[in-house]
Amino acid sequence: MPAGVHAMQAGGKSVLASGQMMTLYTFAKDQPGVSNCNDNCAKNWPPLMAAADAKPMGDWTVITRMDGTKQWAYKGLPLYLWAKDAKPGDTTGDGMGNGAWKIAAP
């Protein structure tokens, strides 16, 4: 697991979380290794950014976004935060977008 990413319990589920313990999500409209959440989408769903020199490890890979920045992906799926989760452990993004957004589980 990359530094700063954790597995934790939130809403009665095991979830992946950022270094600030904020729930991470996947987007059904993404494809393995490709983020389709850019521009306004990425303002609401900030990507879990990776350092430019980040290296893949196990199920964790690094993808290159449309703007050239790097993003972490788990089992091929890019990971995001939800801007409206207010505190660690919130899972308010689960099921948003007619079910397109799901909690990322370890």
PDB file of N, CA and C in Angstrom:
ATOM      1  N   MET A   1       0.857  -1.169   0.000  1.00  0.00           N
ATOM      2  CA  MET A   1       0.000   0.000   0.000  1.00  0.00           C
ATOM      3  C   MET A   1       0.908   1.239   0.000  1.00  0.00           C
ATOM      4  N   PRO A   2       0.588   2.228  -0.832  1.00  0.00           N
ATOM      5  CA  PRO A   2       1.421   3.438  -0.867  1.00  0.00           C
ATOM      6  C   PRO A   2       1.448   4.142   0.488  1.00  0.00           C
ATOM      7  N   ALA A   3       2.539   4.832   0.758  1.00  0.00           N
ATOM      8  CA  ALA A   3       2.620   5.638   1.974  1.00  0.00           C
ATOM      9  C   ALA A   3       1.465   6.631   1.978  1.00  0.00           C
ATOM     10  N   GLY A   4       0.829   6.794   3.116  1.00  0.00           N
ATOM     11  CA  GLY A   4      -0.269   7.746   3.224  1.00  0.00           C
ATOM     12  C   GLY A   4      -1.620   7.181   2.862  1.00  0.00           C
ATOM     13  N   VAL A   5      -1.705   5.906   2.510  1.00  0.00           N
ATOM     14  CA  VAL A   5      -2.995   5.266   2.239  1.00  0.00           C
ATOM     15  C   VAL A   5      -3.214   4.224   3.328  1.00  0.00           C
ATOM     16  N   HIS A   6      -4.448   4.121   3.793  1.00  0.00           N
ATOM     17  CA  HIS A   6      -4.776   3.229   4.897  1.00  0.00           C
ATOM     18  C   HIS A   6      -6.023   2.414   4.575  1.00  0.00           C
ATOM     19  N   ALA A   7      -6.163   1.287   5.250  1.00  0.00           N
ATOM     20  CA  ALA A   7      -7.427   0.553   5.278  1.00  0.00           C
ATOM     21  C   ALA A   7      -8.053   0.860   6.629  1.00  0.00           C
ATOM     22  N   MET A   8      -9.356   1.138   6.644  1.00  0.00           N
ATOM     23  CA  MET A   8     -10.035   1.447   7.901  1.00  0.00           C
ATOM     24  C   MET A   8     -11.493   1.016   7.815  1.00  0.00           C
ATOM     25  N   GLN A   9     -12.195   1.121   8.916  1.00  0.00           N
ATOM     26  CA  GLN A   9     -13.626   0.855   8.967  1.00  0.00           C
ATOM     27  C   GLN A   9     -14.369   2.183   8.875  1.00  0.00           C
ATOM     28  N   ALA A  10     -15.367   2.247   8.004  1.00  0.00           N
ATOM     29  CA  ALA A  10     -16.206   3.442   7.874  1.00  0.00           C
ATOM     30  C   ALA A  10     -17.588   2.995   7.439  1.00  0.00           C
ATOM     31  N   GLY A  11     -18.596   3.466   8.108  1.00  0.00           N
ATOM     32  CA  GLY A  11     -19.958   3.092   7.747  1.00  0.00           C
ATOM     33  C   GLY A  11     -20.179   1.591   7.810  1.00  0.00           C
ATOM     34  N   GLY A  12     -19.448   0.917   8.700  1.00  0.00           N
ATOM     35  CA  GLY A  12     -19.600  -0.525   8.847  1.00  0.00           C
ATOM     36  C   GLY A  12     -18.917  -1.341   7.768  1.00  0.00           C
ATOM     37  N   LYS A  13     -18.083  -0.699   6.957  1.00  0.00           N
ATOM     38  CA  LYS A  13     -17.394  -1.385   5.858  1.00  0.00           C
ATOM     39  C   LYS A  13     -15.892  -1.159   5.965  1.00  0.00           C
ATOM     40  N   SER A  14     -15.122  -2.088   5.398  1.00  0.00           N
ATOM     41  CA  SER A  14     -13.688  -1.864   5.228  1.00  0.00           C
ATOM     42  C   SER A  14     -13.504  -0.994   4.000  1.00  0.00           C
ATOM     43  N   VAL A  15     -12.775   0.100   4.152  1.00  0.00           N
ATOM     44  CA  VAL A  15     -12.577   1.039   3.049  1.00  0.00           C
ATOM     45  C   VAL A  15     -11.108   1.420   2.958  1.00  0.00           C
ATOM     46  N   LEU A  16     -10.719   1.889   1.786  1.00  0.00           N
ATOM     47  CA  LEU A  16      -9.409   2.510   1.615  1.00  0.00           C
ATOM     48  C   LEU A  16      -9.562   3.989   1.928  1.00  0.00           C
ATOM     49  N   ALA A  17      -8.541   4.564   2.554  1.00  0.00           N
ATOM     50  CA  ALA A  17      -8.611   5.961   2.962  1.00  0.00           C
ATOM     51  C   ALA A  17      -7.290   6.662   2.682  1.00  0.00           C
ATOM     52  N   SER A  18      -7.386   7.970   2.510  1.00  0.00           N
ATOM     53  CA  SER A  18      -6.205   8.812   2.289  1.00  0.00           C
ATOM     54  C   SER A  18      -5.419   8.959   3.590  1.00  0.00           C
ATOM     55  N   GLY A  19      -4.300   9.648   3.505  1.00  0.00           N
ATOM     56  CA  GLY A  19      -3.494   9.925   4.683  1.00  0.00           C
ATOM     57  C   GLY A  19      -4.241  10.712   5.741  1.00  0.00           C
ATOM     58  N   GLN A  20      -5.240  11.471   5.337  1.00  0.00           N
ATOM     59  CA  GLN A  20      -6.069  12.229   6.272  1.00  0.00           C
ATOM     60  C   GLN A  20      -7.281  11.411   6.722  1.00  0.00           C
ATOM     61  N   MET A  21      -7.263  10.106   6.388  1.00  0.00           N
ATOM     62  CA  MET A  21      -8.327   9.165   6.750  1.00  0.00           C
ATOM     63  C   MET A  21      -9.666   9.492   6.074  1.00  0.00           C
ATOM     64  N   MET A  22      -9.601  10.107   4.898  1.00  0.00           N
ATOM     65  CA  MET A  22     -10.807  10.379   4.119  1.00  0.00           C
ATOM     66  C   MET A  22     -11.038   9.211   3.166  1.00  0.00           C
ATOM     67  N   THR A  23     -12.289   8.793   3.057  1.00  0.00           N
ATOM     68  CA  THR A  23     -12.670   7.644   2.242  1.00  0.00           C
ATOM     69  C   THR A  23     -12.287   7.855   0.782  1.00  0.00           C
ATOM     70  N   LEU A  24     -11.803   6.779   0.159  1.00  0.00           N
ATOM     71  CA  LEU A  24     -11.470   6.790  -1.266  1.00  0.00           C
ATOM     72  C   LEU A  24     -12.561   6.080  -2.056  1.00  0.00           C
ATOM     73  N   TYR A  25     -12.725   6.504  -3.310  1.00  0.00           N
ATOM     74  CA  TYR A  25     -13.797   6.010  -4.173  1.00  0.00           C
ATOM     75  C   TYR A  25     -13.267   5.624  -5.551  1.00  0.00           C
ATOM     76  N   THR A  26     -14.040   4.781  -6.241  1.00  0.00           N
ATOM     77  CA  THR A  26     -13.793   4.462  -7.648  1.00  0.00           C
ATOM     78  C   THR A  26     -14.980   4.954  -8.468  1.00  0.00           C
ATOM     79  N   PHE A  27     -14.752   5.127  -9.765  1.00  0.00           N
ATOM     80  CA  PHE A  27     -15.739   5.680 -10.695  1.00  0.00           C
ATOM     81  C   PHE A  27     -16.012   4.659 -11.789  1.00  0.00           C
ATOM     82  N   ALA A  28     -17.273   4.262 -11.945  1.00  0.00           N
ATOM     83  CA  ALA A  28     -17.642   3.214 -12.903  1.00  0.00           C
ATOM     84  C   ALA A  28     -17.347   3.603 -14.348  1.00  0.00           C
ATOM     85  N   LYS A  29     -17.237   4.896 -14.642  1.00  0.00           N
ATOM     86  CA  LYS A  29     -16.981   5.317 -16.022  1.00  0.00           C
ATOM     87  C   LYS A  29     -15.494   5.319 -16.371  1.00  0.00           C
ATOM     88  N   ASP A  30     -14.649   5.031 -15.372  1.00  0.00           N
ATOM     89  CA  ASP A  30     -13.223   4.860 -15.652  1.00  0.00           C
ATOM     90  C   ASP A  30     -12.999   3.503 -16.291  1.00  0.00           C
ATOM     91  N   GLN A  31     -11.858   3.367 -16.929  1.00  0.00           N
ATOM     92  CA  GLN A  31     -11.422   2.083 -17.462  1.00  0.00           C
ATOM     93  C   GLN A  31     -10.114   1.752 -16.771  1.00  0.00           C
ATOM     94  N   PRO A  32      -9.733   0.484 -16.715  1.00  0.00           N
ATOM     95  CA  PRO A  32      -8.478   0.156 -16.047  1.00  0.00           C
ATOM     96  C   PRO A  32      -7.328   1.025 -16.561  1.00  0.00           C
ATOM     97  N   GLY A  33      -6.701   1.738 -15.633  1.00  0.00           N
ATOM     98  CA  GLY A  33      -5.563   2.577 -15.971  1.00  0.00           C
ATOM     99  C   GLY A  33      -5.898   3.906 -16.604  1.00  0.00           C
ATOM    100  N   VAL A  34      -7.194   4.243 -16.727  1.00  0.00           N
ATOM    101  CA  VAL A  34      -7.604   5.491 -17.383  1.00  0.00           C
ATOM    102  C   VAL A  34      -8.635   6.215 -16.522  1.00  0.00           C
ATOM    103  N   SER A  35      -8.351   7.482 -16.193  1.00  0.00           N
ATOM    104  CA  SER A  35      -9.314   8.310 -15.469  1.00  0.00           C
ATOM    105  C   SER A  35     -10.182   9.061 -16.471  1.00  0.00           C
ATOM    106  N   ASN A  36     -11.494   8.960 -16.290  1.00  0.00           N
ATOM    107  CA  ASN A  36     -12.428   9.729 -17.101  1.00  0.00           C
ATOM    108  C   ASN A  36     -13.085  10.832 -16.280  1.00  0.00           C
ATOM    109  N   CYS A  37     -12.495  11.152 -15.137  1.00  0.00           N
ATOM    110  CA  CYS A  37     -12.984  12.236 -14.278  1.00  0.00           C
ATOM    111  C   CYS A  37     -11.952  13.356 -14.323  1.00  0.00           C
ATOM    112  N   ASN A  38     -12.228  14.357 -15.129  1.00  0.00           N
ATOM    113  CA  ASN A  38     -11.318  15.480 -15.324  1.00  0.00           C
ATOM    114  C   ASN A  38     -12.093  16.787 -15.186  1.00  0.00           C
ATOM    115  N   ASP A  39     -11.398  17.889 -15.210  1.00  0.00           N
ATOM    116  CA  ASP A  39     -11.989  19.224 -15.185  1.00  0.00           C
ATOM    117  C   ASP A  39     -12.977  19.377 -14.027  1.00  0.00           C
ATOM    118  N   ASN A  40     -14.258  19.708 -14.314  1.00  0.00           N
ATOM    119  CA  ASN A  40     -15.239  19.929 -13.249  1.00  0.00           C
ATOM    120  C   ASN A  40     -15.460  18.685 -12.409  1.00  0.00           C
ATOM    121  N   CYS A  41     -15.436  17.526 -13.028  1.00  0.00           N
ATOM    122  CA  CYS A  41     -15.583  16.278 -12.277  1.00  0.00           C
ATOM    123  C   CYS A  41     -14.500  16.186 -11.209  1.00  0.00           C
ATOM    124  N   ALA A  42     -13.264  16.486 -11.573  1.00  0.00           N
ATOM    125  CA  ALA A  42     -12.143  16.367 -10.638  1.00  0.00           C
ATOM    126  C   ALA A  42     -12.187  17.427  -9.537  1.00  0.00           C
ATOM    127  N   LYS A  43     -12.965  18.483  -9.713  1.00  0.00           N
ATOM    128  CA  LYS A  43     -13.135  19.456  -8.632  1.00  0.00           C
ATOM    129  C   LYS A  43     -13.990  18.849  -7.524  1.00  0.00           C
ATOM    130  N   ASN A  44     -15.010  18.095  -7.901  1.00  0.00           N
ATOM    131  CA  ASN A  44     -15.872  17.425  -6.922  1.00  0.00           C
ATOM    132  C   ASN A  44     -15.274  16.119  -6.425  1.00  0.00           C
ATOM    133  N   TRP A  45     -14.509  15.465  -7.277  1.00  0.00           N
ATOM    134  CA  TRP A  45     -13.903  14.166  -6.981  1.00  0.00           C
ATOM    135  C   TRP A  45     -12.392  14.278  -7.180  1.00  0.00           C
ATOM    136  N   PRO A  46     -11.689  14.931  -6.244  1.00  0.00           N
ATOM    137  CA  PRO A  46     -10.243  15.096  -6.414  1.00  0.00           C
ATOM    138  C   PRO A  46      -9.525  13.748  -6.502  1.00  0.00           C
ATOM    139  N   PRO A  47      -8.643  13.592  -7.461  1.00  0.00           N
ATOM    140  CA  PRO A  47      -7.892  12.342  -7.580  1.00  0.00           C
ATOM    141  C   PRO A  47      -6.935  12.154  -6.410  1.00  0.00           C
ATOM    142  N   LEU A  48      -6.660  10.908  -6.082  1.00  0.00           N
ATOM    143  CA  LEU A  48      -5.619  10.592  -5.105  1.00  0.00           C
ATOM    144  C   LEU A  48      -4.298  10.703  -5.854  1.00  0.00           C
ATOM    145  N   MET A  49      -3.641  11.838  -5.680  1.00  0.00           N
ATOM    146  CA  MET A  49      -2.445  12.135  -6.450  1.00  0.00           C
ATOM    147  C   MET A  49      -1.262  11.286  -5.991  1.00  0.00           C
ATOM    148  N   ALA A  50      -0.411  10.974  -6.945  1.00  0.00           N
ATOM    149  CA  ALA A  50       0.833  10.248  -6.685  1.00  0.00           C
ATOM    150  C   ALA A  50       1.990  11.160  -7.068  1.00  0.00           C
ATOM    151  N   ALA A  51       3.102  10.986  -6.401  1.00  0.00           N
ATOM    152  CA  ALA A  51       4.302  11.750  -6.751  1.00  0.00           C
ATOM    153  C   ALA A  51       4.737  11.383  -8.165  1.00  0.00           C
ATOM    154  N   ALA A  52       5.393  12.300  -8.829  1.00  0.00           N
ATOM    155  CA  ALA A  52       5.841  12.063 -10.205  1.00  0.00           C
ATOM    156  C   ALA A  52       6.735  10.834 -10.310  1.00  0.00           C
ATOM    157  N   ASP A  53       7.465  10.521  -9.231  1.00  0.00           N
ATOM    158  CA  ASP A  53       8.372   9.372  -9.259  1.00  0.00           C
ATOM    159  C   ASP A  53       7.817   8.145  -8.521  1.00  0.00           C
ATOM    160  N   ALA A  54       6.512   8.146  -8.225  1.00  0.00           N
ATOM    161  CA  ALA A  54       5.895   7.013  -7.518  1.00  0.00           C
ATOM    162  C   ALA A  54       6.019   5.738  -8.352  1.00  0.00           C
ATOM    163  N   LYS A  55       6.226   4.638  -7.675  1.00  0.00           N
ATOM    164  CA  LYS A  55       6.406   3.337  -8.339  1.00  0.00           C
ATOM    165  C   LYS A  55       5.255   2.404  -7.989  1.00  0.00           C
ATOM    166  N   PRO A  56       4.796   1.602  -8.963  1.00  0.00           N
ATOM    167  CA  PRO A  56       3.747   0.626  -8.679  1.00  0.00           C
ATOM    168  C   PRO A  56       4.219  -0.394  -7.641  1.00  0.00           C
ATOM    169  N   MET A  57       3.260  -0.943  -6.888  1.00  0.00           N
ATOM    170  CA  MET A  57       3.571  -1.979  -5.901  1.00  0.00           C
ATOM    171  C   MET A  57       2.358  -2.889  -5.744  1.00  0.00           C
ATOM    172  N   GLY A  58       2.523  -4.154  -6.055  1.00  0.00           N
ATOM    173  CA  GLY A  58       1.419  -5.101  -5.914  1.00  0.00           C
ATOM    174  C   GLY A  58       0.207  -4.682  -6.727  1.00  0.00           C
ATOM    175  N   ASP A  59      -0.945  -4.550  -6.049  1.00  0.00           N
ATOM    176  CA  ASP A  59      -2.190  -4.149  -6.712  1.00  0.00           C
ATOM    177  C   ASP A  59      -2.265  -2.650  -6.977  1.00  0.00           C
ATOM    178  N   TRP A  60      -1.254  -1.912  -6.557  1.00  0.00           N
ATOM    179  CA  TRP A  60      -1.239  -0.455  -6.687  1.00  0.00           C
ATOM    180  C   TRP A  60      -0.430  -0.039  -7.912  1.00  0.00           C
ATOM    181  N   THR A  61      -1.051   0.776  -8.766  1.00  0.00           N
ATOM    182  CA  THR A  61      -0.374   1.282  -9.955  1.00  0.00           C
ATOM    183  C   THR A  61      -0.500   2.801  -9.993  1.00  0.00           C
ATOM    184  N   VAL A  62       0.287   3.402 -10.847  1.00  0.00           N
ATOM    185  CA  VAL A  62       0.262   4.851 -11.033  1.00  0.00           C
ATOM    186  C   VAL A  62      -0.155   5.110 -12.469  1.00  0.00           C
ATOM    187  N   ILE A  63      -1.197   5.920 -12.641  1.00  0.00           N
ATOM    188  CA  ILE A  63      -1.648   6.266 -13.986  1.00  0.00           C
ATOM    189  C   ILE A  63      -1.292   7.721 -14.272  1.00  0.00           C
ATOM    190  N   THR A  64      -1.248   8.059 -15.546  1.00  0.00           N
ATOM    191  CA  THR A  64      -1.028   9.439 -15.961  1.00  0.00           C
ATOM    192  C   THR A  64      -2.366  10.018 -16.379  1.00  0.00           C
ATOM    193  N   ARG A  65      -2.745  11.115 -15.734  1.00  0.00           N
ATOM    194  CA  ARG A  65      -4.016  11.779 -16.024  1.00  0.00           C
ATOM    195  C   ARG A  65      -3.912  12.609 -17.308  1.00  0.00           C
ATOM    196  N   MET A  66      -5.060  13.059 -17.788  1.00  0.00           N
ATOM    197  CA  MET A  66      -5.144  13.854 -19.008  1.00  0.00           C
ATOM    198  C   MET A  66      -4.221  15.080 -18.953  1.00  0.00           C
ATOM    199  N   ASP A  67      -4.063  15.666 -17.748  1.00  0.00           N
ATOM    200  CA  ASP A  67      -3.227  16.862 -17.607  1.00  0.00           C
ATOM    201  C   ASP A  67      -1.757  16.541 -17.342  1.00  0.00           C
ATOM    202  N   GLY A  68      -1.401  15.256 -17.366  1.00  0.00           N
ATOM    203  CA  GLY A  68      -0.018  14.844 -17.179  1.00  0.00           C
ATOM    204  C   GLY A  68       0.369  14.537 -15.740  1.00  0.00           C
ATOM    205  N   THR A  69      -0.515  14.837 -14.772  1.00  0.00           N
ATOM    206  CA  THR A  69      -0.214  14.516 -13.379  1.00  0.00           C
ATOM    207  C   THR A  69      -0.421  13.022 -13.136  1.00  0.00           C
ATOM    208  N   LYS A  70       0.096  12.560 -12.007  1.00  0.00           N
ATOM    209  CA  LYS A  70       0.029  11.136 -11.664  1.00  0.00           C
ATOM    210  C   LYS A  70      -1.048  10.894 -10.609  1.00  0.00           C
ATOM    211  N   GLN A  71      -1.686   9.728 -10.707  1.00  0.00           N
ATOM    212  CA  GLN A  71      -2.767   9.353  -9.800  1.00  0.00           C
ATOM    213  C   GLN A  71      -2.611   7.892  -9.413  1.00  0.00           C
ATOM    214  N   TRP A  72      -2.906   7.576  -8.144  1.00  0.00           N
ATOM    215  CA  TRP A  72      -2.880   6.183  -7.705  1.00  0.00           C
ATOM    216  C   TRP A  72      -4.124   5.451  -8.191  1.00  0.00           C
ATOM    217  N   ALA A  73      -3.920   4.183  -8.537  1.00  0.00           N
ATOM    218  CA  ALA A  73      -5.019   3.284  -8.899  1.00  0.00           C
ATOM    219  C   ALA A  73      -4.845   1.998  -8.103  1.00  0.00           C
ATOM    220  N   TYR A  74      -5.957   1.393  -7.716  1.00  0.00           N
ATOM    221  CA  TYR A  74      -5.946   0.132  -6.981  1.00  0.00           C
ATOM    222  C   TYR A  74      -6.640  -0.918  -7.835  1.00  0.00           C
ATOM    223  N   LYS A  75      -5.932  -1.990  -8.116  1.00  0.00           N
ATOM    224  CA  LYS A  75      -6.428  -3.049  -9.006  1.00  0.00           C
ATOM    225  C   LYS A  75      -6.884  -2.448 -10.330  1.00  0.00           C
ATOM    226  N   GLY A  76      -6.116  -1.465 -10.811  1.00  0.00           N
ATOM    227  CA  GLY A  76      -6.365  -0.843 -12.106  1.00  0.00           C
ATOM    228  C   GLY A  76      -7.336   0.317 -12.092  1.00  0.00           C
ATOM    229  N   LEU A  77      -8.070   0.512 -10.979  1.00  0.00           N
ATOM    230  CA  LEU A  77      -9.093   1.559 -10.936  1.00  0.00           C
ATOM    231  C   LEU A  77      -8.568   2.810 -10.238  1.00  0.00           C
ATOM    232  N   PRO A  78      -8.593   3.958 -10.935  1.00  0.00           N
ATOM    233  CA  PRO A  78      -8.150   5.208 -10.327  1.00  0.00           C
ATOM    234  C   PRO A  78      -8.950   5.519  -9.057  1.00  0.00           C
ATOM    235  N   LEU A  79      -8.296   6.146  -8.091  1.00  0.00           N
ATOM    236  CA  LEU A  79      -8.909   6.452  -6.799  1.00  0.00           C
ATOM    237  C   LEU A  79      -9.126   7.950  -6.630  1.00  0.00           C
ATOM    238  N   TYR A  80     -10.232   8.272  -5.941  1.00  0.00           N
ATOM    239  CA  TYR A  80     -10.655   9.662  -5.756  1.00  0.00           C
ATOM    240  C   TYR A  80     -11.146   9.890  -4.335  1.00  0.00           C
ATOM    241  N   LEU A  81     -11.133  11.152  -3.946  1.00  0.00           N
ATOM    242  CA  LEU A  81     -11.797  11.626  -2.739  1.00  0.00           C
ATOM    243  C   LEU A  81     -13.117  12.264  -3.167  1.00  0.00           C
ATOM    244  N   TRP A  82     -14.032  12.483  -2.231  1.00  0.00           N
ATOM    245  CA  TRP A  82     -15.294  13.175  -2.516  1.00  0.00           C
ATOM    246  C   TRP A  82     -15.244  14.491  -1.757  1.00  0.00           C
ATOM    247  N   ALA A  83     -15.345  15.600  -2.463  1.00  0.00           N
ATOM    248  CA  ALA A  83     -15.191  16.925  -1.866  1.00  0.00           C
ATOM    249  C   ALA A  83     -16.197  17.190  -0.749  1.00  0.00           C
ATOM    250  N   LYS A  84     -17.334  16.507  -0.751  1.00  0.00           N
ATOM    251  CA  LYS A  84     -18.368  16.775   0.255  1.00  0.00           C
ATOM    252  C   LYS A  84     -18.272  15.872   1.483  1.00  0.00           C
ATOM    253  N   ASP A  85     -17.314  14.948   1.502  1.00  0.00           N
ATOM    254  CA  ASP A  85     -17.043  14.236   2.752  1.00  0.00           C
ATOM    255  C   ASP A  85     -16.386  15.252   3.682  1.00  0.00           C
ATOM    256  N   ALA A  86     -17.009  15.517   4.832  1.00  0.00           N
ATOM    257  CA  ALA A  86     -16.556  16.591   5.710  1.00  0.00           C
ATOM    258  C   ALA A  86     -15.525  16.161   6.742  1.00  0.00           C
ATOM    259  N   LYS A  87     -15.564  14.886   7.142  1.00  0.00           N
ATOM    260  CA  LYS A  87     -14.659  14.449   8.199  1.00  0.00           C
ATOM    261  C   LYS A  87     -14.201  13.023   7.939  1.00  0.00           C
ATOM    262  N   PRO A  88     -13.097  12.627   8.556  1.00  0.00           N
ATOM    263  CA  PRO A  88     -12.613  11.255   8.377  1.00  0.00           C
ATOM    264  C   PRO A  88     -13.719  10.236   8.659  1.00  0.00           C
ATOM    265  N   GLY A  89     -13.790   9.230   7.792  1.00  0.00           N
ATOM    266  CA  GLY A  89     -14.794   8.184   7.946  1.00  0.00           C
ATOM    267  C   GLY A  89     -16.104   8.460   7.245  1.00  0.00           C
ATOM    268  N   ASP A  90     -16.335   9.698   6.775  1.00  0.00           N
ATOM    269  CA  ASP A  90     -17.556   9.971   6.007  1.00  0.00           C
ATOM    270  C   ASP A  90     -17.557   9.131   4.737  1.00  0.00           C
ATOM    271  N   THR A  91     -18.734   8.685   4.320  1.00  0.00           N
ATOM    272  CA  THR A  91     -18.880   7.885   3.099  1.00  0.00           C
ATOM    273  C   THR A  91     -20.028   8.428   2.251  1.00  0.00           C
ATOM    274  N   THR A  92     -20.216   9.751   2.265  1.00  0.00           N
ATOM    275  CA  THR A  92     -21.378  10.342   1.604  1.00  0.00           C
ATOM    276  C   THR A  92     -21.333  10.248   0.083  1.00  0.00           C
ATOM    277  N   GLY A  93     -20.173   9.932  -0.483  1.00  0.00           N
ATOM    278  CA  GLY A  93     -20.076   9.810  -1.939  1.00  0.00           C
ATOM    279  C   GLY A  93     -20.516   8.462  -2.474  1.00  0.00           C
ATOM    280  N   ASP A  94     -20.682   7.477  -1.590  1.00  0.00           N
ATOM    281  CA  ASP A  94     -21.032   6.128  -2.037  1.00  0.00           C
ATOM    282  C   ASP A  94     -22.390   6.130  -2.724  1.00  0.00           C
ATOM    283  N   GLY A  95     -22.432   5.670  -3.977  1.00  0.00           N
ATOM    284  CA  GLY A  95     -23.676   5.587  -4.732  1.00  0.00           C
ATOM    285  C   GLY A  95     -24.031   6.841  -5.508  1.00  0.00           C
ATOM    286  N   MET A  96     -23.229   7.890  -5.400  1.00  0.00           N
ATOM    287  CA  MET A  96     -23.519   9.119  -6.146  1.00  0.00           C
ATOM    288  C   MET A  96     -23.442   8.842  -7.650  1.00  0.00           C
ATOM    289  N   GLY A  97     -24.007   9.761  -8.432  1.00  0.00           N
ATOM    290  CA  GLY A  97     -23.975   9.617  -9.886  1.00  0.00           C
ATOM    291  C   GLY A  97     -24.716   8.380 -10.346  1.00  0.00           C
ATOM    292  N   ASN A  98     -25.921   8.167  -9.783  1.00  0.00           N
ATOM    293  CA  ASN A  98     -26.716   6.980 -10.133  1.00  0.00           C
ATOM    294  C   ASN A  98     -25.935   5.692  -9.919  1.00  0.00           C
ATOM    295  N   GLY A  99     -25.153   5.677  -8.844  1.00  0.00           N
ATOM    296  CA  GLY A  99     -24.410   4.476  -8.489  1.00  0.00           C
ATOM    297  C   GLY A  99     -23.044   4.355  -9.125  1.00  0.00           C
ATOM    298  N   ALA A 100     -22.615   5.376  -9.881  1.00  0.00           N
ATOM    299  CA  ALA A 100     -21.323   5.295 -10.580  1.00  0.00           C
ATOM    300  C   ALA A 100     -20.136   5.390  -9.623  1.00  0.00           C
ATOM    301  N   TRP A 101     -20.329   6.016  -8.465  1.00  0.00           N
ATOM    302  CA  TRP A 101     -19.249   6.185  -7.488  1.00  0.00           C
ATOM    303  C   TRP A 101     -19.422   5.182  -6.368  1.00  0.00           C
ATOM    304  N   LYS A 102     -18.367   4.431  -6.097  1.00  0.00           N
ATOM    305  CA  LYS A 102     -18.393   3.383  -5.070  1.00  0.00           C
ATOM    306  C   LYS A 102     -17.201   3.545  -4.139  1.00  0.00           C
ATOM    307  N   ILE A 103     -17.405   3.161  -2.890  1.00  0.00           N
ATOM    308  CA  ILE A 103     -16.306   3.126  -1.929  1.00  0.00           C
ATOM    309  C   ILE A 103     -15.260   2.137  -2.424  1.00  0.00           C
ATOM    310  N   ALA A 104     -14.003   2.533  -2.339  1.00  0.00           N
ATOM    311  CA  ALA A 104     -12.894   1.628  -2.683  1.00  0.00           C
ATOM    312  C   ALA A 104     -12.614   0.742  -1.472  1.00  0.00           C
ATOM    313  N   ALA A 105     -12.687  -0.555  -1.675  1.00  0.00           N
ATOM    314  CA  ALA A 105     -12.478  -1.514  -0.586  1.00  0.00           C
ATOM    315  C   ALA A 105     -11.162  -2.253  -0.783  1.00  0.00           C
ATOM    316  N   PRO A 106     -10.478  -2.549   0.343  1.00  0.00           N
ATOM    317  CA  PRO A 106      -9.214  -3.292   0.228  1.00  0.00           C
ATOM    318  C   PRO A 106      -9.443  -4.739  -0.185  1.00  0.00           C
TER     319      PRO A 106
END
